[in-house]
């Protein structure tokens, strides 16, 4: 039995994107408890010395062009064109049901951390930086854990159907069927979705739902937060958040914008705060009463963003688990979200009749049909008109999450790690 195993976390980033943030929180939680842990990422945003960046030059150039780090005439279009050419090349490869993962930098990972970890946990590894053949090699000396932040390892995203299609390539199937991987599912929905998939006979699965630091995210004075952000204290503020909203195929900013247009025509003092995108991507729409904040890594600012809002709105085509909804819950916000994927596991839905009558028991939000801007606008209007209903839903949001903070998440993961290590001895 290994009492104090050593760890390595691998993800696309450290503090950018829900899947990576969860990995970073676990990594830091283990360090705080005295464990040996390193985190290796494709793109580093923090100043944390325990996080190591491996260079993926093509990805870094595309990202810099698309998100404005490199800015010159037509830089965004050039970045998108290179990205499109790259995607077309990979689509061509997938017709043969094979993948190519030629990312030499990832093969230096164990040399960079200078030890062989007892546990290697993989989070977001499909961001053009990681050679998945390493999983088989590393499994000879380390226990491999894979967090199913999405269903990439088992299929492809179908943009036309707006869903994950379980259709593995030869390369991925050879890994999942022939390597003992211990899977962490962020939701019951993911576990159910993967029912029937052939895995290695000794692979183990466990559902561990993500959370946030409840000592950091909590309700506080809305007006103080708005002053800090320079937002009108008198408006009814609708918050929506996702990194790279408009270019993210899993998110649905269009429905939010259409719904807000309907609401704002009647409720003229409403404002929409969109966090995670740049204003220049929305030149084709009337952005009156819409506030845009670019991707933010300032923790105090993020906390104030949630505290400044009256409600949180989330529109998506799929979610295996949504960290921004979790942060909104911890911040005491009522939530209106698409009825897709694992979102119903985060929201106790208040049905329409109870909403109209202002009756709330333990509900903390409202689910709407994906893509229905009419429904979303209607639900926003109901909450706008009923302050006490809004308040009660927000109180329930916080109450329903208070028994599962970061310490509980860390304990659940450690229990799983030790169960796997003990069963291997």
Protein backbone atom coordinates (compact mmCIF):
# COMPACT_ATOMS: atom_id res chain seq x y z
CA UNK A 1 0.00 0.00 0.00
CA UNK A 2 1.30 3.47 -0.96
CA UNK A 3 0.31 5.80 1.87
CA UNK A 4 1.40 9.04 0.20
CA UNK A 5 1.36 8.55 -3.59
CA UNK A 6 2.95 11.09 -5.90
CA UNK A 7 0.85 12.76 -8.61
CA UNK A 8 1.00 14.23 -12.08
CA UNK A 9 -1.94 16.14 -13.57
CA UNK A 10 -2.09 16.84 -17.30
CA UNK A 11 -4.54 19.26 -18.90
CA UNK A 12 -4.78 21.85 -21.66
CA UNK A 13 -4.41 24.71 -19.19
CA UNK A 14 -4.24 25.49 -15.49
CA UNK A 15 -6.80 28.25 -14.87
CA UNK A 16 -8.54 28.55 -18.23
CA UNK A 17 -11.65 26.42 -18.81
CA UNK A 18 -13.72 24.36 -16.36
CA UNK A 19 -11.99 21.00 -16.88
CA UNK A 20 -8.53 22.48 -16.39
CA UNK A 21 -9.57 24.56 -13.37
CA UNK A 22 -10.81 21.41 -11.62
CA UNK A 23 -7.48 19.68 -12.29
CA UNK A 24 -5.60 22.71 -10.98
CA UNK A 25 -7.71 22.83 -7.81
CA UNK A 26 -7.08 19.13 -7.13
CA UNK A 27 -3.35 19.55 -7.77
CA UNK A 28 -3.11 22.47 -5.34
CA UNK A 29 -5.27 20.71 -2.77
CA UNK A 30 -2.88 17.75 -2.77
CA UNK A 31 0.14 20.05 -2.44
CA UNK A 32 -1.51 21.73 0.56
CA UNK A 33 -1.83 18.31 2.21
CA UNK A 34 1.83 17.51 1.69
CA UNK A 35 1.65 15.28 -1.38
CA UNK A 36 4.15 15.48 -4.24
CA UNK A 37 2.35 16.81 -7.31
CA UNK A 38 3.12 18.57 -10.58
CA UNK A 39 0.83 19.81 -13.31
CA UNK A 40 1.78 19.88 -17.00
CA UNK A 41 -0.24 22.01 -19.39
CA UNK A 42 -0.28 23.03 -23.01
CA UNK A 43 -0.90 26.68 -22.14
CA UNK A 44 -0.05 28.21 -18.76
CA UNK A 45 -1.89 31.27 -17.46
CA UNK A 46 -0.85 31.29 -13.80
CA UNK A 47 2.50 32.13 -12.19
CA UNK A 48 2.51 28.84 -10.28
CA UNK A 49 5.97 27.22 -10.25
CA UNK A 50 4.41 23.77 -9.80
CA UNK A 51 2.79 24.10 -13.24
CA UNK A 52 4.95 23.35 -16.29
CA UNK A 53 4.07 24.39 -19.83
CA UNK A 54 4.99 22.23 -22.80
CA UNK A 55 5.25 24.10 -26.06
CA UNK A 56 2.85 23.34 -28.89
CA UNK A 57 3.87 26.02 -31.35
CA UNK A 58 1.16 25.59 -33.98
CA UNK A 59 -1.60 25.67 -31.37
CA UNK A 60 -0.05 28.65 -29.60
CA UNK A 61 0.17 30.65 -32.84
CA UNK A 62 -3.45 29.88 -33.79
CA UNK A 63 -4.67 30.78 -30.29
CA UNK A 64 -2.71 34.05 -30.29
CA UNK A 65 -4.14 35.07 -33.67
CA UNK A 66 -7.75 34.14 -32.85
CA UNK A 67 -7.85 35.60 -29.34
CA UNK A 68 -5.92 38.79 -30.04
CA UNK A 69 -2.55 38.12 -28.36
CA UNK A 70 -1.09 38.76 -31.83
CA UNK A 71 -3.01 41.63 -33.39
CA UNK A 72 -2.60 43.04 -36.89
CA UNK A 73 -4.95 43.57 -39.87
CA UNK A 74 -6.82 40.32 -40.64
CA UNK A 75 -5.01 38.44 -37.83
CA UNK A 76 -8.28 36.90 -36.59
CA UNK A 77 -9.22 35.71 -40.10
CA UNK A 78 -5.74 34.30 -40.72
CA UNK A 79 -5.87 32.41 -37.42
CA UNK A 80 -9.30 30.97 -38.23
CA UNK A 81 -8.11 29.99 -41.72
CA UNK A 82 -5.10 28.10 -40.32
CA UNK A 83 -7.38 26.47 -37.76
CA UNK A 84 -9.81 25.43 -40.51
CA UNK A 85 -7.02 23.92 -42.63
CA UNK A 86 -5.79 21.98 -39.62
CA UNK A 87 -9.29 20.70 -38.83
CA UNK A 88 -9.79 19.67 -42.47
CA UNK A 89 -6.57 17.66 -42.36
CA UNK A 90 -7.69 15.80 -39.23
CA UNK A 91 -11.13 15.14 -40.73
CA UNK A 92 -9.39 13.57 -43.70
CA UNK A 93 -7.41 11.31 -41.36
CA UNK A 94 -10.54 10.31 -39.45
CA UNK A 95 -12.11 8.90 -42.60
CA UNK A 96 -9.65 6.04 -42.20
CA UNK A 97 -10.76 5.75 -38.53
CA UNK A 98 -7.25 6.63 -37.39
CA UNK A 99 -5.80 9.55 -35.49
CA UNK A 100 -2.34 11.03 -35.63
CA UNK A 101 -0.97 12.36 -32.34
CA UNK A 102 2.44 13.65 -33.34
CA UNK A 103 3.22 15.93 -30.42
CA UNK A 104 6.89 15.31 -29.54
CA UNK A 105 6.89 17.84 -26.68
CA UNK A 106 4.53 15.63 -24.66
CA UNK A 107 7.08 12.80 -24.71
CA UNK A 108 9.37 14.88 -22.48
CA UNK A 109 6.83 15.25 -19.68
CA UNK A 110 8.34 12.76 -17.22
CA UNK A 111 11.79 14.23 -17.81
CA UNK A 112 10.43 17.70 -17.05
CA UNK A 113 8.95 16.71 -13.68
CA UNK A 114 11.96 14.50 -12.86
CA UNK A 115 10.09 11.65 -11.13
CA UNK A 116 7.79 8.76 -12.01
CA UNK A 117 4.44 9.53 -10.38
CA UNK A 118 2.37 6.82 -8.72
CA UNK A 119 -0.76 8.40 -10.20
CA UNK A 120 -1.16 10.21 -13.53
CA UNK A 121 -4.49 11.98 -13.98
CA UNK A 122 -5.48 13.17 -17.44
CA UNK A 123 -8.09 15.88 -17.86
CA UNK A 124 -8.41 17.89 -21.07
CA UNK A 125 -5.88 16.18 -23.40
CA UNK A 126 -7.41 16.84 -26.82
CA UNK A 127 -6.09 20.33 -27.39
CA UNK A 128 -3.42 19.42 -29.97
CA UNK A 129 -0.57 18.84 -27.56
CA UNK A 130 -0.65 15.28 -26.17
CA UNK A 131 0.42 11.93 -27.67
CA UNK A 132 -2.15 9.47 -26.29
CA UNK A 133 0.11 6.48 -27.04
CA UNK A 134 1.98 7.57 -23.90
CA UNK A 135 -0.94 6.31 -21.81
CA UNK A 136 -0.07 2.69 -22.61
CA UNK A 137 3.62 3.23 -21.90
CA UNK A 138 3.02 5.05 -18.62
CA UNK A 139 0.52 2.43 -17.39
CA UNK A 140 3.48 0.07 -16.87
CA UNK A 141 4.66 2.11 -13.89
CA UNK A 142 1.78 4.43 -12.90
CA UNK A 143 -1.93 4.17 -12.18
CA UNK A 144 -3.73 6.05 -14.96
CA UNK A 145 -6.84 8.07 -14.13
CA UNK A 146 -8.86 9.73 -16.88
CA UNK A 147 -11.39 12.48 -16.17
CA UNK A 148 -14.19 12.34 -18.73
CA UNK A 149 -14.62 16.11 -18.92
CA UNK A 150 -16.22 15.43 -22.28
CA UNK A 151 -16.62 12.32 -24.43
CA UNK A 152 -13.65 12.95 -26.72
CA UNK A 153 -11.88 9.67 -25.93
CA UNK A 154 -14.97 7.72 -27.00
CA UNK A 155 -16.26 9.66 -29.98
CA UNK A 156 -16.57 12.90 -31.91
CA UNK A 157 -18.64 16.04 -31.63
CA UNK A 158 -21.26 16.17 -34.40
CA UNK A 159 -21.85 19.84 -35.11
CA UNK A 160 -24.95 19.13 -37.20
CA UNK A 161 -26.64 16.99 -34.55
CA UNK A 162 -25.19 19.11 -31.72
CA UNK A 163 -24.20 16.03 -29.74
CA UNK A 164 -21.35 13.65 -28.96
CA UNK A 165 -21.46 10.59 -31.22
CA UNK A 166 -19.83 7.51 -29.70
CA UNK A 167 -17.76 6.39 -32.65
CA UNK A 168 -14.17 5.67 -31.64
CA UNK A 169 -11.22 5.81 -33.98
CA UNK A 170 -8.88 2.83 -34.16
CA UNK A 171 -6.24 4.68 -32.14
CA UNK A 172 -8.57 5.60 -29.28
CA UNK A 173 -10.19 2.17 -29.16
CA UNK A 174 -6.79 0.48 -28.90
CA UNK A 175 -6.11 2.59 -25.80
CA UNK A 176 -9.45 2.14 -24.00
CA UNK A 177 -9.69 -1.61 -24.69
CA UNK A 178 -6.07 -2.55 -23.99
CA UNK A 179 -4.98 -0.24 -21.17
CA UNK A 180 -6.25 -0.33 -17.58
CA UNK A 181 -7.60 3.18 -17.14
CA UNK A 182 -9.51 4.30 -14.06
CA UNK A 183 -12.27 6.65 -15.17
CA UNK A 184 -13.67 9.60 -13.25
CA UNK A 185 -17.07 10.71 -14.52
CA UNK A 186 -18.15 14.25 -13.54
CA UNK A 187 -21.82 13.27 -13.69
CA UNK A 188 -24.25 10.36 -13.73
CA UNK A 189 -25.18 11.48 -17.24
CA UNK A 190 -21.66 10.75 -18.53
CA UNK A 191 -21.59 7.34 -16.86
CA UNK A 192 -24.94 6.45 -18.40
CA UNK A 193 -23.88 7.77 -21.82
CA UNK A 194 -20.89 5.40 -21.84
CA UNK A 195 -22.90 2.33 -20.87
CA UNK A 196 -21.97 -0.54 -23.17
CA UNK A 197 -18.61 0.87 -24.26
CA UNK A 198 -15.97 -1.87 -24.22
CA UNK A 199 -13.21 -1.10 -21.72
CA UNK A 200 -10.18 -2.97 -20.41
CA UNK A 201 -11.51 -5.75 -18.13
CA UNK A 202 -9.73 -4.26 -15.08
CA UNK A 203 -10.79 -0.66 -15.71
CA UNK A 204 -12.75 0.99 -12.91
CA UNK A 205 -15.33 3.79 -13.08
CA UNK A 206 -16.57 6.22 -10.44
CA UNK A 207 -18.76 9.33 -10.50
CA UNK A 208 -17.22 12.29 -8.65
CA UNK A 209 -19.04 15.54 -9.27
CA UNK A 210 -17.02 18.75 -9.44
CA UNK A 211 -17.35 21.67 -7.08
CA UNK A 212 -15.66 24.97 -6.24
CA UNK A 213 -14.09 26.62 -3.21
CA UNK A 214 -17.14 27.54 -1.12
CA UNK A 215 -14.94 29.66 1.14
CA UNK A 216 -14.18 31.86 -1.85
CA UNK A 217 -17.41 31.84 -3.85
CA UNK A 218 -20.28 33.01 -1.66
CA UNK A 219 -23.01 35.67 -1.81
CA UNK A 220 -22.06 39.22 -0.90
CA UNK A 221 -23.10 42.83 -1.44
CA UNK A 222 -24.16 43.30 -5.07
CA UNK A 223 -23.63 47.06 -5.19
CA UNK A 224 -20.06 46.84 -3.87
CA UNK A 225 -19.27 44.29 -6.60
CA UNK A 226 -20.82 46.51 -9.27
CA UNK A 227 -18.84 49.54 -8.14
CA UNK A 228 -15.65 47.50 -8.42
CA UNK A 229 -16.59 46.47 -11.98
CA UNK A 230 -18.03 49.83 -13.08
CA UNK A 231 -21.53 48.43 -13.68
CA UNK A 232 -24.76 50.39 -13.23
CA UNK A 233 -26.11 49.69 -9.73
CA UNK A 234 -29.74 50.16 -10.75
CA UNK A 235 -29.97 47.72 -13.67
CA UNK A 236 -31.24 44.13 -13.64
CA UNK A 237 -28.06 42.27 -14.63
CA UNK A 238 -28.18 38.95 -16.48
CA UNK A 239 -24.87 37.08 -16.44
CA UNK A 240 -23.69 34.42 -18.89
CA UNK A 241 -20.18 33.01 -19.05
CA UNK A 242 -18.08 30.61 -21.15
CA UNK A 243 -14.57 30.78 -22.52
CA UNK A 244 -14.53 31.57 -26.25
CA UNK A 245 -18.33 31.63 -26.26
CA UNK A 246 -18.96 32.30 -29.93
CA UNK A 247 -16.37 29.83 -31.25
CA UNK A 248 -17.19 27.09 -28.74
CA UNK A 249 -19.33 24.47 -30.55
CA UNK A 250 -20.80 23.19 -27.28
CA UNK A 251 -22.13 26.60 -26.16
CA UNK A 252 -25.07 28.56 -27.51
CA UNK A 253 -24.59 32.31 -27.17
CA UNK A 254 -27.01 32.93 -30.05
CA UNK A 255 -30.05 31.84 -28.01
CA UNK A 256 -28.99 34.07 -25.11
CA UNK A 257 -28.60 37.10 -27.39
CA UNK A 258 -31.98 36.52 -29.05
CA UNK A 259 -33.70 36.09 -25.68
CA UNK A 260 -32.08 39.22 -24.29
CA UNK A 261 -33.22 41.25 -27.29
CA UNK A 262 -36.82 40.19 -26.55
CA UNK A 263 -36.47 41.00 -22.84
CA UNK A 264 -34.71 44.32 -23.34
CA UNK A 265 -37.44 45.63 -25.63
CA UNK A 266 -39.85 45.46 -22.67
CA UNK A 267 -37.58 45.68 -19.62
CA UNK A 268 -35.39 48.56 -20.71
CA UNK A 269 -33.24 48.63 -17.57
CA UNK A 270 -31.95 45.08 -18.12
CA UNK A 271 -28.33 44.52 -19.09
CA UNK A 272 -26.55 41.40 -20.27
CA UNK A 273 -23.00 40.68 -19.10
CA UNK A 274 -21.17 38.25 -21.43
CA UNK A 275 -17.89 36.97 -19.97
CA UNK A 276 -15.33 35.00 -21.97
CA UNK A 277 -15.37 36.64 -25.40
CA UNK A 278 -14.16 39.74 -27.19
CA UNK A 279 -16.49 42.48 -28.39
CA UNK A 280 -15.04 42.43 -31.94
CA UNK A 281 -16.65 39.02 -32.53
CA UNK A 282 -20.11 40.55 -32.27
CA UNK A 283 -19.87 43.39 -34.78
CA UNK A 284 -22.97 42.13 -36.59
CA UNK A 285 -25.34 42.66 -33.64
CA UNK A 286 -26.65 45.66 -31.75
CA UNK A 287 -24.67 45.53 -28.52
CA UNK A 288 -26.64 48.23 -26.72
CA UNK A 289 -27.09 47.22 -23.06
CA UNK A 290 -24.69 44.29 -23.54
CA UNK A 291 -21.42 44.34 -21.59
CA UNK A 292 -18.51 42.19 -22.77
CA UNK A 293 -15.68 41.06 -20.51
CA UNK A 294 -12.81 39.15 -22.09
CA UNK A 295 -11.52 35.90 -20.49
CA UNK A 296 -10.59 36.79 -16.94
CA UNK A 297 -8.02 35.16 -14.63
CA UNK A 298 -8.25 37.64 -11.77
CA UNK A 299 -9.97 35.64 -9.01
CA UNK A 300 -11.30 38.70 -7.21
CA UNK A 301 -12.79 40.05 -10.44
CA UNK A 302 -14.41 36.69 -11.21
CA UNK A 303 -15.95 36.62 -7.75
CA UNK A 304 -17.28 40.16 -8.20
CA UNK A 305 -18.73 39.23 -11.60
CA UNK A 306 -20.97 36.62 -9.99
CA UNK A 307 -21.84 38.86 -7.06
CA UNK A 308 -22.84 41.69 -9.40
CA UNK A 309 -25.52 39.65 -11.20
CA UNK A 310 -29.23 39.24 -10.47
CA UNK A 311 -29.47 35.92 -12.32
CA UNK A 312 -27.18 33.51 -14.16
CA UNK A 313 -28.18 32.20 -17.61
CA UNK A 314 -26.49 29.27 -19.35
CA UNK A 315 -27.35 28.11 -22.85
CA UNK A 316 -25.53 25.08 -24.26
CA UNK A 317 -26.00 22.13 -26.58
CA UNK A 318 -24.28 19.75 -24.18
CA UNK A 319 -22.65 19.80 -20.74
CA UNK A 320 -20.98 16.87 -19.01
CA UNK A 321 -20.83 19.16 -15.96
CA UNK A 322 -20.78 22.94 -15.90
CA UNK A 323 -18.33 24.68 -13.58
CA UNK A 324 -19.76 28.16 -14.19
CA UNK A 325 -23.18 26.90 -13.03
CA UNK A 326 -21.45 25.51 -9.93
CA UNK A 327 -19.76 28.88 -9.30
CA UNK A 328 -23.09 30.66 -9.79
CA UNK A 329 -24.77 28.29 -7.32
CA UNK A 330 -22.04 28.91 -4.74
CA UNK A 331 -22.50 32.66 -5.29
CA UNK A 332 -26.21 32.40 -4.48
CA UNK A 333 -27.64 33.12 -7.93
CA UNK A 334 -30.89 31.81 -9.39
CA UNK A 335 -30.09 29.92 -12.60
CA UNK A 336 -31.85 29.50 -15.93
CA UNK A 337 -30.17 26.85 -18.09
CA UNK A 338 -30.66 24.53 -21.05
CA UNK A 339 -32.16 21.16 -20.21
CA UNK A 340 -29.25 19.16 -21.66
CA UNK A 341 -26.62 16.67 -20.53
CA UNK A 342 -25.72 16.85 -16.84
CA UNK A 343 -27.27 20.27 -16.18
CA UNK A 344 -30.40 18.72 -14.57
CA UNK A 345 -28.05 17.19 -11.96
CA UNK A 346 -27.06 20.73 -10.94
CA UNK A 347 -30.46 22.39 -11.05
CA UNK A 348 -33.60 21.44 -9.16
CA UNK A 349 -36.15 22.69 -11.66
CA UNK A 350 -38.99 24.99 -10.66
CA UNK A 351 -41.92 24.14 -12.93
CA UNK A 352 -43.89 26.78 -14.78
CA UNK A 353 -47.00 26.74 -12.58
CA UNK A 354 -44.96 27.20 -9.41
CA UNK A 355 -43.01 29.99 -11.07
CA UNK A 356 -46.16 31.87 -12.02
CA UNK A 357 -47.53 31.45 -8.49
CA UNK A 358 -44.21 32.37 -6.88
CA UNK A 359 -44.04 29.04 -5.04
CA UNK A 360 -40.60 27.60 -4.28
CA UNK A 361 -39.66 24.64 -2.11
CA UNK A 362 -36.04 23.51 -2.60
CA UNK A 363 -35.73 24.48 -6.28
CA UNK A 364 -32.75 26.61 -7.33
CA UNK A 365 -33.42 27.32 -10.99
CA UNK A 366 -35.32 26.80 -14.22
CA UNK A 367 -34.61 24.49 -17.16
CA UNK A 368 -35.59 25.51 -20.68
CA UNK A 369 -35.66 23.63 -23.97
CA UNK A 370 -32.29 23.97 -25.74
CA UNK A 371 -32.34 26.64 -28.43
CA UNK A 372 -35.66 28.16 -27.30
CA UNK A 373 -35.01 31.88 -26.97
CA UNK A 374 -38.75 32.40 -26.46
CA UNK A 375 -38.80 30.18 -23.36
CA UNK A 376 -35.61 31.72 -22.03
CA UNK A 377 -36.95 35.25 -22.48
CA UNK A 378 -40.20 34.29 -20.73
CA UNK A 379 -38.37 32.85 -17.72
CA UNK A 380 -36.11 35.91 -17.45
CA UNK A 381 -39.19 38.14 -17.45
CA UNK A 382 -40.80 36.07 -14.67
CA UNK A 383 -37.74 36.43 -12.43
CA UNK A 384 -37.45 40.12 -13.28
CA UNK A 385 -41.03 40.68 -12.11
CA UNK A 386 -40.73 38.69 -8.87
CA UNK A 387 -37.86 39.77 -6.64
CA UNK A 388 -38.81 37.44 -3.76
CA UNK A 389 -38.91 34.44 -6.13
CA UNK A 390 -35.49 35.40 -7.44
CA UNK A 391 -34.14 35.68 -3.90
CA UNK A 392 -35.51 32.31 -2.78
CA UNK A 393 -34.11 30.46 -5.81
CA UNK A 394 -30.72 32.08 -5.18
CA UNK A 395 -30.75 31.10 -1.50
CA UNK A 396 -31.51 27.51 -2.51
CA UNK A 397 -28.64 27.56 -5.01
CA UNK A 398 -26.18 28.16 -2.19
CA UNK A 399 -27.94 25.88 0.29
CA UNK A 400 -27.99 22.93 -2.12
CA UNK A 401 -24.21 22.96 -2.60
CA UNK A 402 -22.95 23.75 0.91
CA UNK A 403 -22.25 20.13 1.89
CA UNK A 404 -19.80 19.47 -0.97
CA UNK A 405 -16.89 21.90 -1.15
CA UNK A 406 -13.26 21.46 -2.17
CA UNK A 407 -12.29 19.43 0.90
CA UNK A 408 -15.07 16.93 0.17
CA UNK A 409 -14.04 16.77 -3.50
CA UNK A 410 -10.43 16.14 -2.54
CA UNK A 411 -11.44 13.45 -0.04
CA UNK A 412 -13.60 11.71 -2.66
CA UNK A 413 -10.72 11.65 -5.13
CA UNK A 414 -8.20 10.44 -2.54
CA UNK A 415 -10.55 7.63 -1.53
CA UNK A 416 -10.77 6.55 -5.18
CA UNK A 417 -6.99 6.75 -5.68
CA UNK A 418 -6.31 4.60 -2.61
CA UNK A 419 -9.01 2.07 -3.55
CA UNK A 420 -7.37 1.59 -6.95
CA UNK A 421 -3.83 1.40 -5.57
CA UNK A 422 -4.85 -1.05 -2.84
CA UNK A 423 -6.63 -3.32 -5.32
CA UNK A 424 -3.47 -3.43 -7.46
CA UNK A 425 -1.31 -4.72 -4.61
